[in-house]
Amino acid sequence: MNSIDLFVKNWGSKHSMLPIDSNDIVELESKLNAFLPDSYKYLISTYGLVHTPNVLTKICDLGADISEVQDFLSLEDIFSLSKLYEMTGMPKGHILFASDCKGNMFCFKLTDCASKQIDLPVWFFDHDFCTIKKASNSFIEWLEEFNEL
């Protein structure tokens, strides 16, 4: 999980982050009737909810063509916002886990979460156009894009 550790070291704000208890993650998975990927669970159970305010600045400075991540969602927000965004136009069947600074979301496909997986593709929901496109083939590859900036 070196890519995850490097992402937090490079981009995590200096505010103290509290790791999320694995029992709380299991409870969320039960509510979602889905399995979150192990790579994502490692991030939140080791570091907590990562806030990355400097990613946007770096992307703008470099003119990089990737969508920035700013906040990883709380477990409560994962559940409630996934439902709320579906009610406001997001295609059904996605689990939100992080946002950018403009209200767009990063998510996993619910069908991909039907069984335990080490890693899963990351999808990007553009709330202006109510569209979803693949952001990366895996959560770790997605974080590596930021590590390469």
N, C-alpha and C. Protein backbone atom coordinates (compact mmCIF):
# COMPACT_ATOMS: atom_id res chain seq x y z
N MET A 1 0.82 -1.20 0.00
CA MET A 1 0.00 0.00 0.00
C MET A 1 0.86 1.27 0.00
N ASN A 2 2.07 1.15 -0.55
CA ASN A 2 2.99 2.27 -0.58
C ASN A 2 2.42 3.50 -1.27
N SER A 3 1.65 3.30 -2.35
CA SER A 3 1.06 4.42 -3.09
C SER A 3 0.11 5.21 -2.21
N ILE A 4 -0.62 4.50 -1.36
CA ILE A 4 -1.57 5.15 -0.47
C ILE A 4 -0.82 5.95 0.59
N ASP A 5 0.20 5.35 1.17
CA ASP A 5 1.01 6.04 2.18
C ASP A 5 1.66 7.30 1.58
N LEU A 6 2.17 7.18 0.37
CA LEU A 6 2.81 8.32 -0.29
C LEU A 6 1.79 9.41 -0.59
N PHE A 7 0.59 9.03 -1.02
CA PHE A 7 -0.47 10.01 -1.29
C PHE A 7 -0.76 10.83 -0.04
N VAL A 8 -0.94 10.16 1.09
CA VAL A 8 -1.24 10.87 2.34
C VAL A 8 -0.08 11.76 2.74
N LYS A 9 1.15 11.26 2.60
CA LYS A 9 2.34 12.05 2.95
C LYS A 9 2.44 13.29 2.08
N ASN A 10 2.21 13.13 0.77
CA ASN A 10 2.34 14.24 -0.18
C ASN A 10 1.19 15.24 -0.11
N TRP A 11 -0.02 14.75 0.09
CA TRP A 11 -1.19 15.59 -0.12
C TRP A 11 -2.08 15.80 1.10
N GLY A 12 -2.00 14.95 2.08
CA GLY A 12 -2.87 15.10 3.25
C GLY A 12 -2.57 16.39 3.99
N SER A 13 -3.63 17.07 4.42
CA SER A 13 -3.41 18.30 5.19
C SER A 13 -2.77 17.93 6.52
N LYS A 14 -2.20 18.90 7.15
CA LYS A 14 -1.49 18.65 8.41
C LYS A 14 -2.45 18.54 9.60
N HIS A 15 -3.75 18.72 9.35
CA HIS A 15 -4.73 18.57 10.42
C HIS A 15 -4.75 17.11 10.85
N SER A 16 -4.96 16.89 12.11
CA SER A 16 -4.95 15.51 12.60
C SER A 16 -6.13 14.74 12.01
N MET A 17 -5.84 13.57 11.52
CA MET A 17 -6.86 12.69 10.97
C MET A 17 -7.00 11.51 11.90
N LEU A 18 -8.23 11.10 12.13
CA LEU A 18 -8.48 9.97 13.01
C LEU A 18 -8.83 8.75 12.18
N PRO A 19 -8.09 7.68 12.33
CA PRO A 19 -8.42 6.45 11.61
C PRO A 19 -9.85 6.00 11.93
N ILE A 20 -10.50 5.42 10.96
CA ILE A 20 -11.87 4.95 11.13
C ILE A 20 -11.84 3.50 11.59
N ASP A 21 -12.59 3.21 12.61
CA ASP A 21 -12.66 1.88 13.20
C ASP A 21 -13.20 0.88 12.17
N SER A 22 -12.56 -0.28 12.10
CA SER A 22 -12.96 -1.30 11.12
C SER A 22 -14.40 -1.77 11.34
N ASN A 23 -14.87 -1.76 12.59
CA ASN A 23 -16.26 -2.14 12.85
C ASN A 23 -17.25 -1.16 12.20
N ASP A 24 -16.88 0.13 12.18
CA ASP A 24 -17.73 1.13 11.53
C ASP A 24 -17.75 0.92 10.02
N ILE A 25 -16.63 0.50 9.46
CA ILE A 25 -16.57 0.23 8.02
C ILE A 25 -17.43 -0.98 7.69
N VAL A 26 -17.36 -2.02 8.50
CA VAL A 26 -18.18 -3.22 8.30
C VAL A 26 -19.66 -2.86 8.39
N GLU A 27 -20.01 -1.98 9.32
CA GLU A 27 -21.40 -1.54 9.47
C GLU A 27 -21.87 -0.81 8.21
N LEU A 28 -21.02 0.06 7.67
CA LEU A 28 -21.38 0.77 6.43
C LEU A 28 -21.57 -0.23 5.29
N GLU A 29 -20.65 -1.17 5.15
CA GLU A 29 -20.77 -2.18 4.09
C GLU A 29 -22.09 -2.94 4.22
N SER A 30 -22.49 -3.22 5.43
CA SER A 30 -23.76 -3.91 5.67
C SER A 30 -24.93 -3.04 5.22
N LYS A 31 -24.90 -1.75 5.54
CA LYS A 31 -25.97 -0.83 5.12
C LYS A 31 -26.02 -0.69 3.60
N LEU A 32 -24.84 -0.70 2.98
CA LEU A 32 -24.77 -0.57 1.52
C LEU A 32 -25.05 -1.88 0.81
N ASN A 33 -24.97 -2.98 1.57
CA ASN A 33 -25.05 -4.33 0.99
C ASN A 33 -23.98 -4.48 -0.10
N ALA A 34 -22.75 -4.08 0.28
CA ALA A 34 -21.64 -4.07 -0.67
C ALA A 34 -20.33 -4.18 0.10
N PHE A 35 -19.25 -4.52 -0.63
CA PHE A 35 -17.91 -4.59 -0.05
C PHE A 35 -17.07 -3.48 -0.67
N LEU A 36 -16.55 -2.61 0.17
CA LEU A 36 -15.63 -1.58 -0.31
C LEU A 36 -14.28 -2.23 -0.56
N PRO A 37 -13.51 -1.73 -1.53
CA PRO A 37 -12.21 -2.36 -1.82
C PRO A 37 -11.23 -2.22 -0.66
N ASP A 38 -10.41 -3.23 -0.49
CA ASP A 38 -9.43 -3.25 0.60
C ASP A 38 -8.49 -2.04 0.55
N SER A 39 -8.12 -1.60 -0.65
CA SER A 39 -7.20 -0.47 -0.79
C SER A 39 -7.82 0.80 -0.18
N TYR A 40 -9.09 1.04 -0.44
CA TYR A 40 -9.79 2.19 0.12
C TYR A 40 -9.93 2.04 1.64
N LYS A 41 -10.28 0.83 2.08
CA LYS A 41 -10.43 0.59 3.53
C LYS A 41 -9.10 0.79 4.25
N TYR A 42 -7.99 0.44 3.60
CA TYR A 42 -6.67 0.68 4.20
C TYR A 42 -6.48 2.18 4.43
N LEU A 43 -6.81 2.99 3.44
CA LEU A 43 -6.64 4.44 3.56
C LEU A 43 -7.42 4.98 4.76
N ILE A 44 -8.71 4.68 4.83
CA ILE A 44 -9.52 5.30 5.89
C ILE A 44 -9.29 4.66 7.26
N SER A 45 -8.93 3.37 7.30
CA SER A 45 -8.70 2.75 8.61
C SER A 45 -7.29 3.07 9.15
N THR A 46 -6.38 3.44 8.28
CA THR A 46 -5.02 3.81 8.70
C THR A 46 -4.90 5.30 8.95
N TYR A 47 -5.50 6.11 8.07
CA TYR A 47 -5.31 7.56 8.13
C TYR A 47 -6.57 8.35 8.47
N GLY A 48 -7.73 7.83 8.16
CA GLY A 48 -8.96 8.57 8.38
C GLY A 48 -9.38 9.31 7.12
N LEU A 49 -10.15 10.38 7.32
CA LEU A 49 -10.70 11.15 6.20
C LEU A 49 -9.67 12.17 5.75
N VAL A 50 -9.04 11.88 4.66
CA VAL A 50 -7.96 12.73 4.16
C VAL A 50 -8.54 13.97 3.48
N HIS A 51 -7.97 15.12 3.80
CA HIS A 51 -8.33 16.40 3.18
C HIS A 51 -7.11 16.86 2.40
N THR A 52 -7.28 17.16 1.11
CA THR A 52 -6.14 17.45 0.24
C THR A 52 -6.28 18.82 -0.44
N PRO A 53 -6.20 19.90 0.30
CA PRO A 53 -6.43 21.23 -0.28
C PRO A 53 -5.41 21.67 -1.31
N ASN A 54 -4.21 21.09 -1.30
CA ASN A 54 -3.16 21.55 -2.22
C ASN A 54 -3.17 20.86 -3.58
N VAL A 55 -4.00 19.84 -3.74
CA VAL A 55 -4.06 19.14 -5.03
C VAL A 55 -4.52 20.09 -6.14
N LEU A 56 -5.58 20.86 -5.88
CA LEU A 56 -6.11 21.76 -6.90
C LEU A 56 -5.06 22.77 -7.35
N THR A 57 -4.35 23.37 -6.41
CA THR A 57 -3.31 24.34 -6.75
C THR A 57 -2.25 23.72 -7.66
N LYS A 58 -1.79 22.52 -7.32
CA LYS A 58 -0.75 21.85 -8.10
C LYS A 58 -1.25 21.51 -9.50
N ILE A 59 -2.49 21.02 -9.60
CA ILE A 59 -3.07 20.68 -10.91
C ILE A 59 -3.17 21.92 -11.78
N CYS A 60 -3.62 23.03 -11.19
CA CYS A 60 -3.72 24.29 -11.95
C CYS A 60 -2.35 24.80 -12.37
N ASP A 61 -1.39 24.74 -11.46
CA ASP A 61 -0.03 25.20 -11.77
C ASP A 61 0.57 24.41 -12.94
N LEU A 62 0.33 23.11 -12.95
CA LEU A 62 0.89 22.24 -13.99
C LEU A 62 0.02 22.16 -15.25
N GLY A 63 -1.22 22.61 -15.16
CA GLY A 63 -2.15 22.44 -16.27
C GLY A 63 -2.48 20.98 -16.52
N ALA A 64 -2.44 20.19 -15.46
CA ALA A 64 -2.70 18.74 -15.57
C ALA A 64 -4.17 18.48 -15.88
N ASP A 65 -4.40 17.44 -16.66
CA ASP A 65 -5.76 17.12 -17.09
C ASP A 65 -6.33 15.97 -16.25
N ILE A 66 -6.39 16.18 -14.95
CA ILE A 66 -7.04 15.22 -14.07
C ILE A 66 -7.96 15.99 -13.13
N SER A 67 -8.99 15.33 -12.67
CA SER A 67 -9.92 15.97 -11.73
C SER A 67 -9.36 15.84 -10.33
N GLU A 68 -9.34 16.97 -9.63
CA GLU A 68 -8.73 16.98 -8.30
C GLU A 68 -9.67 16.38 -7.25
N VAL A 69 -9.07 15.79 -6.28
CA VAL A 69 -9.81 15.31 -5.11
C VAL A 69 -9.52 16.28 -3.98
N GLN A 70 -10.55 16.59 -3.19
CA GLN A 70 -10.31 17.49 -2.08
C GLN A 70 -10.64 16.85 -0.74
N ASP A 71 -11.77 16.15 -0.66
CA ASP A 71 -12.19 15.58 0.61
C ASP A 71 -12.67 14.15 0.45
N PHE A 72 -12.25 13.29 1.36
CA PHE A 72 -12.81 11.95 1.45
C PHE A 72 -14.00 12.04 2.39
N LEU A 73 -15.10 11.43 2.00
CA LEU A 73 -16.36 11.55 2.74
C LEU A 73 -16.39 10.72 4.01
N SER A 74 -17.12 11.23 5.00
CA SER A 74 -17.35 10.46 6.22
C SER A 74 -18.22 9.26 5.87
N LEU A 75 -18.23 8.26 6.72
CA LEU A 75 -19.04 7.07 6.46
C LEU A 75 -20.53 7.43 6.39
N GLU A 76 -20.97 8.36 7.21
CA GLU A 76 -22.37 8.79 7.16
C GLU A 76 -22.67 9.46 5.82
N ASP A 77 -21.74 10.30 5.36
CA ASP A 77 -21.95 10.99 4.08
C ASP A 77 -21.90 10.01 2.90
N ILE A 78 -21.08 9.00 2.99
CA ILE A 78 -21.03 8.00 1.91
C ILE A 78 -22.43 7.42 1.71
N PHE A 79 -23.05 7.03 2.79
CA PHE A 79 -24.38 6.42 2.70
C PHE A 79 -25.43 7.43 2.26
N SER A 80 -25.51 8.57 2.94
CA SER A 80 -26.59 9.52 2.65
C SER A 80 -26.40 10.24 1.31
N LEU A 81 -25.18 10.66 0.99
CA LEU A 81 -24.97 11.38 -0.27
C LEU A 81 -25.10 10.46 -1.49
N SER A 82 -24.76 9.19 -1.34
CA SER A 82 -24.94 8.27 -2.46
C SER A 82 -26.42 8.21 -2.84
N LYS A 83 -27.30 8.17 -1.84
CA LYS A 83 -28.75 8.16 -2.08
C LYS A 83 -29.23 9.51 -2.60
N LEU A 84 -28.77 10.60 -1.97
CA LEU A 84 -29.20 11.94 -2.35
C LEU A 84 -28.79 12.27 -3.79
N TYR A 85 -27.57 11.96 -4.16
CA TYR A 85 -27.12 12.25 -5.52
C TYR A 85 -27.92 11.46 -6.55
N GLU A 86 -28.32 10.24 -6.22
CA GLU A 86 -29.17 9.47 -7.13
C GLU A 86 -30.51 10.17 -7.32
N MET A 87 -31.04 10.74 -6.25
CA MET A 87 -32.33 11.42 -6.33
C MET A 87 -32.24 12.72 -7.13
N THR A 88 -31.02 13.26 -7.28
CA THR A 88 -30.87 14.52 -8.00
C THR A 88 -30.22 14.35 -9.37
N GLY A 89 -30.20 13.12 -9.89
CA GLY A 89 -29.77 12.93 -11.27
C GLY A 89 -28.60 12.01 -11.53
N MET A 90 -27.86 11.62 -10.49
CA MET A 90 -26.74 10.70 -10.73
C MET A 90 -27.30 9.33 -11.10
N PRO A 91 -26.74 8.69 -12.13
CA PRO A 91 -27.19 7.33 -12.45
C PRO A 91 -27.11 6.42 -11.23
N LYS A 92 -28.07 5.55 -11.08
CA LYS A 92 -28.12 4.66 -9.92
C LYS A 92 -26.97 3.65 -9.94
N GLY A 93 -26.65 3.17 -8.73
CA GLY A 93 -25.68 2.09 -8.64
C GLY A 93 -24.25 2.50 -8.39
N HIS A 94 -24.05 3.59 -7.64
CA HIS A 94 -22.70 4.05 -7.33
C HIS A 94 -22.56 4.37 -5.85
N ILE A 95 -21.36 4.16 -5.32
CA ILE A 95 -21.06 4.48 -3.93
C ILE A 95 -20.05 5.61 -3.93
N LEU A 96 -20.47 6.79 -3.51
CA LEU A 96 -19.59 7.95 -3.45
C LEU A 96 -18.59 7.77 -2.32
N PHE A 97 -17.36 8.27 -2.52
CA PHE A 97 -16.39 8.20 -1.42
C PHE A 97 -15.55 9.46 -1.27
N ALA A 98 -15.51 10.32 -2.27
CA ALA A 98 -14.70 11.54 -2.18
C ALA A 98 -15.28 12.60 -3.12
N SER A 99 -14.92 13.86 -2.85
CA SER A 99 -15.43 14.96 -3.67
C SER A 99 -14.28 15.88 -4.10
N ASP A 100 -14.57 16.65 -5.15
CA ASP A 100 -13.65 17.72 -5.53
C ASP A 100 -14.19 19.01 -4.89
N CYS A 101 -13.69 20.15 -5.28
CA CYS A 101 -14.14 21.39 -4.66
C CYS A 101 -15.37 21.98 -5.34
N LYS A 102 -15.91 21.29 -6.36
CA LYS A 102 -17.04 21.83 -7.14
C LYS A 102 -18.32 21.01 -7.00
N GLY A 103 -18.33 20.04 -6.09
CA GLY A 103 -19.53 19.23 -5.92
C GLY A 103 -19.56 17.97 -6.77
N ASN A 104 -18.51 17.74 -7.54
CA ASN A 104 -18.41 16.49 -8.30
C ASN A 104 -17.90 15.41 -7.35
N MET A 105 -18.16 14.16 -7.69
CA MET A 105 -17.85 13.07 -6.77
C MET A 105 -17.06 11.96 -7.44
N PHE A 106 -16.27 11.28 -6.62
CA PHE A 106 -15.57 10.07 -7.03
C PHE A 106 -16.31 8.91 -6.38
N CYS A 107 -16.43 7.81 -7.11
CA CYS A 107 -17.24 6.71 -6.61
C CYS A 107 -16.77 5.36 -7.14
N PHE A 108 -17.32 4.32 -6.52
CA PHE A 108 -17.16 2.95 -6.98
C PHE A 108 -18.51 2.51 -7.52
N LYS A 109 -18.50 1.62 -8.51
CA LYS A 109 -19.76 1.05 -9.00
C LYS A 109 -20.23 0.00 -8.01
N LEU A 110 -21.50 0.05 -7.69
CA LEU A 110 -22.08 -0.89 -6.74
C LEU A 110 -21.91 -2.33 -7.22
N THR A 111 -22.05 -2.56 -8.53
CA THR A 111 -21.90 -3.93 -9.05
C THR A 111 -20.48 -4.45 -8.85
N ASP A 112 -19.48 -3.56 -8.90
CA ASP A 112 -18.09 -3.97 -8.65
C ASP A 112 -17.88 -4.36 -7.20
N CYS A 113 -18.74 -3.84 -6.32
CA CYS A 113 -18.61 -4.07 -4.87
C CYS A 113 -19.41 -5.27 -4.39
N ALA A 114 -19.84 -6.12 -5.32
CA ALA A 114 -20.66 -7.28 -4.96
C ALA A 114 -19.86 -8.34 -4.21
N SER A 115 -18.55 -8.36 -4.44
CA SER A 115 -17.69 -9.33 -3.74
C SER A 115 -16.45 -8.60 -3.24
N LYS A 116 -15.74 -9.25 -2.30
CA LYS A 116 -14.54 -8.63 -1.74
C LYS A 116 -13.47 -8.52 -2.82
N GLN A 117 -12.87 -7.34 -2.90
CA GLN A 117 -11.83 -7.07 -3.88
C GLN A 117 -10.71 -6.28 -3.20
N ILE A 118 -9.50 -6.47 -3.68
CA ILE A 118 -8.38 -5.68 -3.17
C ILE A 118 -8.47 -4.25 -3.69
N ASP A 119 -8.87 -4.11 -4.94
CA ASP A 119 -8.90 -2.79 -5.58
C ASP A 119 -10.01 -2.77 -6.62
N LEU A 120 -10.54 -1.59 -6.92
CA LEU A 120 -11.62 -1.43 -7.89
C LEU A 120 -11.42 -0.15 -8.69
N PRO A 121 -12.02 -0.09 -9.89
CA PRO A 121 -11.97 1.14 -10.66
C PRO A 121 -12.64 2.31 -9.92
N VAL A 122 -12.16 3.51 -10.21
CA VAL A 122 -12.74 4.74 -9.66
C VAL A 122 -13.48 5.44 -10.79
N TRP A 123 -14.67 5.92 -10.47
CA TRP A 123 -15.53 6.62 -11.42
C TRP A 123 -15.72 8.05 -10.95
N PHE A 124 -15.93 8.96 -11.92
CA PHE A 124 -16.10 10.39 -11.64
C PHE A 124 -17.49 10.82 -12.06
N PHE A 125 -18.25 11.37 -11.11
CA PHE A 125 -19.59 11.90 -11.40
C PHE A 125 -19.50 13.40 -11.55
N ASP A 126 -19.85 13.90 -12.75
CA ASP A 126 -19.88 15.33 -13.03
C ASP A 126 -21.31 15.80 -12.77
N HIS A 127 -21.51 16.55 -11.70
CA HIS A 127 -22.88 16.93 -11.32
C HIS A 127 -23.50 17.94 -12.27
N ASP A 128 -22.69 18.72 -13.02
CA ASP A 128 -23.25 19.67 -13.98
C ASP A 128 -23.94 18.96 -15.13
N PHE A 129 -23.34 17.86 -15.58
CA PHE A 129 -23.87 17.13 -16.73
C PHE A 129 -24.55 15.81 -16.36
N CYS A 130 -24.53 15.47 -15.07
CA CYS A 130 -25.10 14.20 -14.58
C CYS A 130 -24.55 13.01 -15.35
N THR A 131 -23.23 13.01 -15.54
CA THR A 131 -22.58 11.92 -16.26
C THR A 131 -21.52 11.27 -15.36
N ILE A 132 -21.27 10.01 -15.65
CA ILE A 132 -20.23 9.28 -14.93
C ILE A 132 -19.25 8.73 -15.95
N LYS A 133 -17.95 8.93 -15.69
CA LYS A 133 -16.93 8.36 -16.56
C LYS A 133 -15.85 7.74 -15.68
N LYS A 134 -15.16 6.76 -16.23
CA LYS A 134 -14.10 6.09 -15.48
C LYS A 134 -12.93 7.06 -15.31
N ALA A 135 -12.51 7.24 -14.07
CA ALA A 135 -11.37 8.10 -13.76
C ALA A 135 -10.07 7.30 -13.74
N SER A 136 -10.16 6.03 -13.34
CA SER A 136 -8.97 5.19 -13.25
C SER A 136 -9.39 3.73 -13.17
N ASN A 137 -8.48 2.86 -13.59
CA ASN A 137 -8.76 1.42 -13.54
C ASN A 137 -8.74 0.85 -12.13
N SER A 138 -8.14 1.60 -11.18
CA SER A 138 -8.12 1.13 -9.80
C SER A 138 -7.93 2.31 -8.86
N PHE A 139 -8.31 2.11 -7.60
CA PHE A 139 -8.16 3.14 -6.57
C PHE A 139 -6.69 3.50 -6.41
N ILE A 140 -5.82 2.50 -6.36
CA ILE A 140 -4.38 2.75 -6.19
C ILE A 140 -3.82 3.51 -7.39
N GLU A 141 -4.20 3.11 -8.60
CA GLU A 141 -3.73 3.85 -9.79
C GLU A 141 -4.22 5.29 -9.76
N TRP A 142 -5.43 5.50 -9.27
CA TRP A 142 -6.00 6.85 -9.16
C TRP A 142 -5.14 7.70 -8.23
N LEU A 143 -4.78 7.17 -7.08
CA LEU A 143 -3.93 7.91 -6.14
C LEU A 143 -2.54 8.12 -6.72
N GLU A 144 -2.04 7.16 -7.48
CA GLU A 144 -0.72 7.30 -8.09
C GLU A 144 -0.67 8.47 -9.08
N GLU A 145 -1.80 8.79 -9.72
CA GLU A 145 -1.84 9.93 -10.63
C GLU A 145 -1.49 11.22 -9.87
N PHE A 146 -1.99 11.34 -8.65
CA PHE A 146 -1.69 12.52 -7.84
C PHE A 146 -0.24 12.47 -7.36
N ASN A 147 0.25 11.28 -7.03
CA ASN A 147 1.63 11.15 -6.57
C ASN A 147 2.63 11.54 -7.66
N GLU A 148 2.23 11.40 -8.92
CA GLU A 148 3.13 11.73 -10.03
C GLU A 148 3.16 13.22 -10.36
N LEU A 149 2.28 14.01 -9.75
CA LEU A 149 2.25 15.45 -10.04
C LEU A 149 3.51 16.14 -9.53
